[in-house]
Amino acid sequence: MIEPINRVKVESISTVKVWIESDMLGARHVVIQHDGARLPPFIYATFHYNYAYTSNYATLQAAELLAIQLGATVPVEHRTVAVAGQS
């Protein structure tokens, strides 16, 4: 026997804000925060810069692609910070 589906009422939709923070060492941090929530921003991923292995362009492109996949709007917001997560 098929059981009936319970209906639900959506009270609110929490949107997610995603941006990229670049620090003074060249790392790119993809940051997420729920709009309207009282939660602090969360660094989801960090792309570290090392002149021997990476380029600024490569870390920027990787961070932008991930940010877009997580819901960032295009163009992706960029912030320059001394310490990531403290914008």
N, C-alpha and C. Protein backbone atom coordinates (compact mmCIF):
# COMPACT_ATOMS: atom_id res chain seq x y z
N MET A 1 0.83 -1.18 0.00
CA MET A 1 0.00 0.00 0.00
C MET A 1 0.88 1.25 0.00
N ILE A 2 0.48 2.24 -0.77
CA ILE A 2 1.22 3.49 -0.85
C ILE A 2 0.75 4.43 0.24
N GLU A 3 1.73 4.95 1.00
CA GLU A 3 1.38 5.86 2.09
C GLU A 3 1.24 7.28 1.54
N PRO A 4 0.33 8.06 2.11
CA PRO A 4 0.16 9.43 1.63
C PRO A 4 1.38 10.29 1.95
N ILE A 5 1.60 11.28 1.12
CA ILE A 5 2.71 12.21 1.32
C ILE A 5 2.24 13.34 2.22
N ASN A 6 3.00 13.59 3.26
CA ASN A 6 2.67 14.71 4.14
C ASN A 6 3.05 16.02 3.48
N ARG A 7 2.19 17.00 3.58
CA ARG A 7 2.49 18.32 3.03
C ARG A 7 3.20 19.15 4.08
N VAL A 8 4.07 20.02 3.61
CA VAL A 8 4.79 20.91 4.51
C VAL A 8 4.61 22.34 4.04
N LYS A 9 4.81 23.25 4.95
CA LYS A 9 4.74 24.67 4.62
C LYS A 9 6.13 25.26 4.82
N VAL A 10 6.64 25.93 3.78
CA VAL A 10 7.95 26.56 3.86
C VAL A 10 7.78 27.89 4.58
N GLU A 11 8.46 28.05 5.69
CA GLU A 11 8.37 29.27 6.48
C GLU A 11 9.33 30.34 5.96
N SER A 12 10.52 29.92 5.61
CA SER A 12 11.49 30.86 5.07
C SER A 12 12.55 30.10 4.29
N ILE A 13 13.20 30.81 3.41
CA ILE A 13 14.29 30.23 2.63
C ILE A 13 15.55 30.98 3.00
N SER A 14 16.53 30.26 3.47
CA SER A 14 17.79 30.87 3.86
C SER A 14 18.71 30.87 2.65
N THR A 15 19.07 32.04 2.19
CA THR A 15 19.97 32.14 1.06
C THR A 15 21.40 32.12 1.54
N VAL A 16 22.28 31.73 0.66
CA VAL A 16 23.69 31.63 1.00
C VAL A 16 24.45 32.70 0.24
N LYS A 17 25.33 33.39 0.93
CA LYS A 17 26.21 34.36 0.29
C LYS A 17 27.59 33.73 0.21
N VAL A 18 28.19 33.80 -0.97
CA VAL A 18 29.51 33.20 -1.20
C VAL A 18 30.40 34.27 -1.81
N TRP A 19 31.61 34.38 -1.29
CA TRP A 19 32.57 35.32 -1.86
C TRP A 19 33.98 34.76 -1.71
N ILE A 20 34.95 35.48 -2.28
CA ILE A 20 36.35 35.07 -2.21
C ILE A 20 37.13 36.14 -1.45
N GLU A 21 37.94 35.69 -0.51
CA GLU A 21 38.83 36.59 0.21
C GLU A 21 40.26 36.23 -0.17
N SER A 22 41.04 37.26 -0.52
CA SER A 22 42.46 37.08 -0.85
C SER A 22 43.28 37.69 0.27
N ASP A 23 44.26 36.93 0.77
CA ASP A 23 45.08 37.47 1.85
C ASP A 23 46.43 37.95 1.32
N MET A 24 47.23 38.52 2.19
CA MET A 24 48.49 39.13 1.77
C MET A 24 49.55 38.11 1.34
N LEU A 25 49.32 36.83 1.60
CA LEU A 25 50.24 35.79 1.16
C LEU A 25 49.84 35.19 -0.18
N GLY A 26 48.74 35.70 -0.77
CA GLY A 26 48.30 35.24 -2.08
C GLY A 26 47.30 34.11 -2.06
N ALA A 27 46.90 33.63 -0.88
CA ALA A 27 45.92 32.55 -0.79
C ALA A 27 44.53 33.09 -1.12
N ARG A 28 43.70 32.24 -1.70
CA ARG A 28 42.30 32.58 -2.00
C ARG A 28 41.42 31.70 -1.11
N HIS A 29 40.52 32.35 -0.38
CA HIS A 29 39.63 31.63 0.53
C HIS A 29 38.20 31.78 0.02
N VAL A 30 37.52 30.66 -0.20
CA VAL A 30 36.11 30.68 -0.59
C VAL A 30 35.31 30.67 0.71
N VAL A 31 34.51 31.73 0.91
CA VAL A 31 33.82 31.95 2.18
C VAL A 31 32.31 31.86 1.96
N ILE A 32 31.62 31.22 2.91
CA ILE A 32 30.16 31.04 2.84
C ILE A 32 29.54 31.62 4.10
N GLN A 33 28.37 32.26 3.93
CA GLN A 33 27.59 32.71 5.08
C GLN A 33 26.12 32.72 4.70
N HIS A 34 25.28 32.25 5.61
CA HIS A 34 23.84 32.31 5.39
C HIS A 34 23.37 33.74 5.61
N ASP A 35 22.67 34.30 4.63
CA ASP A 35 22.11 35.65 4.80
C ASP A 35 21.03 35.60 5.87
N GLY A 36 21.03 36.59 6.72
CA GLY A 36 20.00 36.68 7.74
C GLY A 36 20.29 35.82 8.96
N ALA A 37 21.23 34.91 8.85
CA ALA A 37 21.55 34.06 9.99
C ALA A 37 22.55 34.78 10.89
N ARG A 38 22.62 34.37 12.11
CA ARG A 38 23.55 34.98 13.04
C ARG A 38 24.83 34.14 13.17
N LEU A 39 25.09 33.37 12.14
CA LEU A 39 26.29 32.55 12.14
C LEU A 39 27.44 33.32 11.50
N PRO A 40 28.65 33.12 11.98
CA PRO A 40 29.79 33.81 11.38
C PRO A 40 30.12 33.21 10.01
N PRO A 41 30.85 33.95 9.18
CA PRO A 41 31.27 33.40 7.89
C PRO A 41 32.12 32.15 8.11
N PHE A 42 32.08 31.23 7.14
CA PHE A 42 32.79 29.96 7.22
C PHE A 42 33.70 29.84 6.01
N ILE A 43 35.00 29.61 6.23
CA ILE A 43 35.91 29.40 5.12
C ILE A 43 35.74 27.96 4.65
N TYR A 44 35.14 27.79 3.47
CA TYR A 44 34.84 26.48 2.93
C TYR A 44 36.09 25.82 2.34
N ALA A 45 36.89 26.62 1.63
CA ALA A 45 38.09 26.07 1.00
C ALA A 45 39.14 27.15 0.85
N THR A 46 40.39 26.74 0.87
CA THR A 46 41.50 27.67 0.67
C THR A 46 42.40 27.13 -0.43
N PHE A 47 42.74 28.01 -1.36
CA PHE A 47 43.69 27.70 -2.42
C PHE A 47 44.96 28.46 -2.11
N HIS A 48 45.98 27.73 -1.69
CA HIS A 48 47.23 28.35 -1.26
C HIS A 48 48.09 28.73 -2.46
N TYR A 49 48.81 29.83 -2.33
CA TYR A 49 49.72 30.28 -3.36
C TYR A 49 51.15 29.91 -2.98
N ASN A 50 51.87 29.35 -3.96
CA ASN A 50 53.29 29.07 -3.81
C ASN A 50 53.91 29.28 -5.18
N TYR A 51 54.84 30.21 -5.29
CA TYR A 51 55.37 30.60 -6.59
C TYR A 51 55.97 29.43 -7.37
N ALA A 52 56.44 28.40 -6.68
CA ALA A 52 57.05 27.26 -7.36
C ALA A 52 56.02 26.29 -7.97
N TYR A 53 54.79 26.34 -7.47
CA TYR A 53 53.80 25.35 -7.89
C TYR A 53 52.52 25.93 -8.46
N THR A 54 52.18 27.15 -8.11
CA THR A 54 50.91 27.72 -8.53
C THR A 54 51.13 29.11 -9.12
N SER A 55 50.08 29.63 -9.70
CA SER A 55 50.10 31.01 -10.18
C SER A 55 48.90 31.73 -9.59
N ASN A 56 48.97 33.05 -9.54
CA ASN A 56 47.84 33.82 -9.03
C ASN A 56 46.59 33.56 -9.86
N TYR A 57 46.77 33.46 -11.17
CA TYR A 57 45.63 33.23 -12.06
C TYR A 57 44.99 31.87 -11.78
N ALA A 58 45.81 30.84 -11.59
CA ALA A 58 45.26 29.50 -11.35
C ALA A 58 44.48 29.43 -10.05
N THR A 59 45.02 30.03 -8.99
CA THR A 59 44.29 29.99 -7.72
C THR A 59 43.01 30.81 -7.79
N LEU A 60 43.05 31.93 -8.51
CA LEU A 60 41.85 32.75 -8.66
C LEU A 60 40.78 32.00 -9.44
N GLN A 61 41.15 31.37 -10.55
CA GLN A 61 40.18 30.63 -11.35
C GLN A 61 39.58 29.46 -10.58
N ALA A 62 40.40 28.74 -9.84
CA ALA A 62 39.90 27.60 -9.05
C ALA A 62 38.92 28.09 -7.99
N ALA A 63 39.26 29.18 -7.32
CA ALA A 63 38.38 29.73 -6.28
C ALA A 63 37.07 30.23 -6.88
N GLU A 64 37.14 30.91 -8.03
CA GLU A 64 35.92 31.41 -8.67
C GLU A 64 35.01 30.27 -9.11
N LEU A 65 35.57 29.23 -9.71
CA LEU A 65 34.75 28.09 -10.13
C LEU A 65 34.05 27.43 -8.94
N LEU A 66 34.76 27.24 -7.86
CA LEU A 66 34.15 26.64 -6.67
C LEU A 66 33.08 27.56 -6.09
N ALA A 67 33.37 28.85 -6.01
CA ALA A 67 32.39 29.79 -5.47
C ALA A 67 31.10 29.76 -6.28
N ILE A 68 31.21 29.72 -7.60
CA ILE A 68 30.02 29.66 -8.46
C ILE A 68 29.26 28.37 -8.24
N GLN A 69 29.97 27.26 -8.10
CA GLN A 69 29.31 25.98 -7.83
C GLN A 69 28.56 26.00 -6.51
N LEU A 70 29.05 26.78 -5.55
CA LEU A 70 28.41 26.87 -4.24
C LEU A 70 27.29 27.89 -4.20
N GLY A 71 27.09 28.64 -5.29
CA GLY A 71 25.97 29.57 -5.34
C GLY A 71 26.32 31.03 -5.44
N ALA A 72 27.58 31.37 -5.64
CA ALA A 72 27.95 32.78 -5.80
C ALA A 72 27.36 33.34 -7.08
N THR A 73 27.04 34.61 -7.04
CA THR A 73 26.55 35.27 -8.25
C THR A 73 27.74 35.73 -9.08
N VAL A 74 27.53 35.81 -10.38
CA VAL A 74 28.57 36.25 -11.29
C VAL A 74 28.34 37.72 -11.61
N PRO A 75 29.32 38.59 -11.48
CA PRO A 75 30.71 38.31 -11.10
C PRO A 75 30.83 38.03 -9.61
N VAL A 76 31.76 37.16 -9.27
CA VAL A 76 31.97 36.75 -7.89
C VAL A 76 32.57 37.92 -7.11
N GLU A 77 32.04 38.14 -5.90
CA GLU A 77 32.57 39.21 -5.05
C GLU A 77 33.95 38.82 -4.54
N HIS A 78 34.87 39.79 -4.59
CA HIS A 78 36.24 39.59 -4.09
C HIS A 78 36.53 40.59 -2.99
N ARG A 79 37.17 40.11 -1.94
CA ARG A 79 37.57 40.99 -0.84
C ARG A 79 39.04 40.72 -0.55
N THR A 80 39.75 41.78 -0.20
CA THR A 80 41.14 41.66 0.23
C THR A 80 41.18 41.84 1.73
N VAL A 81 41.77 40.89 2.43
CA VAL A 81 41.79 40.93 3.88
C VAL A 81 43.18 40.61 4.40
N ALA A 82 43.47 41.09 5.60
CA ALA A 82 44.73 40.76 6.26
C ALA A 82 44.66 39.35 6.81
N VAL A 83 43.52 39.02 7.43
CA VAL A 83 43.31 37.68 8.00
C VAL A 83 41.99 37.16 7.44
N ALA A 84 42.01 36.02 6.80
CA ALA A 84 40.80 35.45 6.18
C ALA A 84 39.72 35.21 7.22
N GLY A 85 38.46 35.45 6.82
CA GLY A 85 37.34 35.24 7.71
C GLY A 85 37.04 36.41 8.63
N GLN A 86 37.82 37.48 8.52
CA GLN A 86 37.66 38.64 9.40
C GLN A 86 37.19 39.87 8.63
N SER A 87 36.37 39.68 7.60
CA SER A 87 35.93 40.83 6.79
C SER A 87 34.82 41.59 7.46
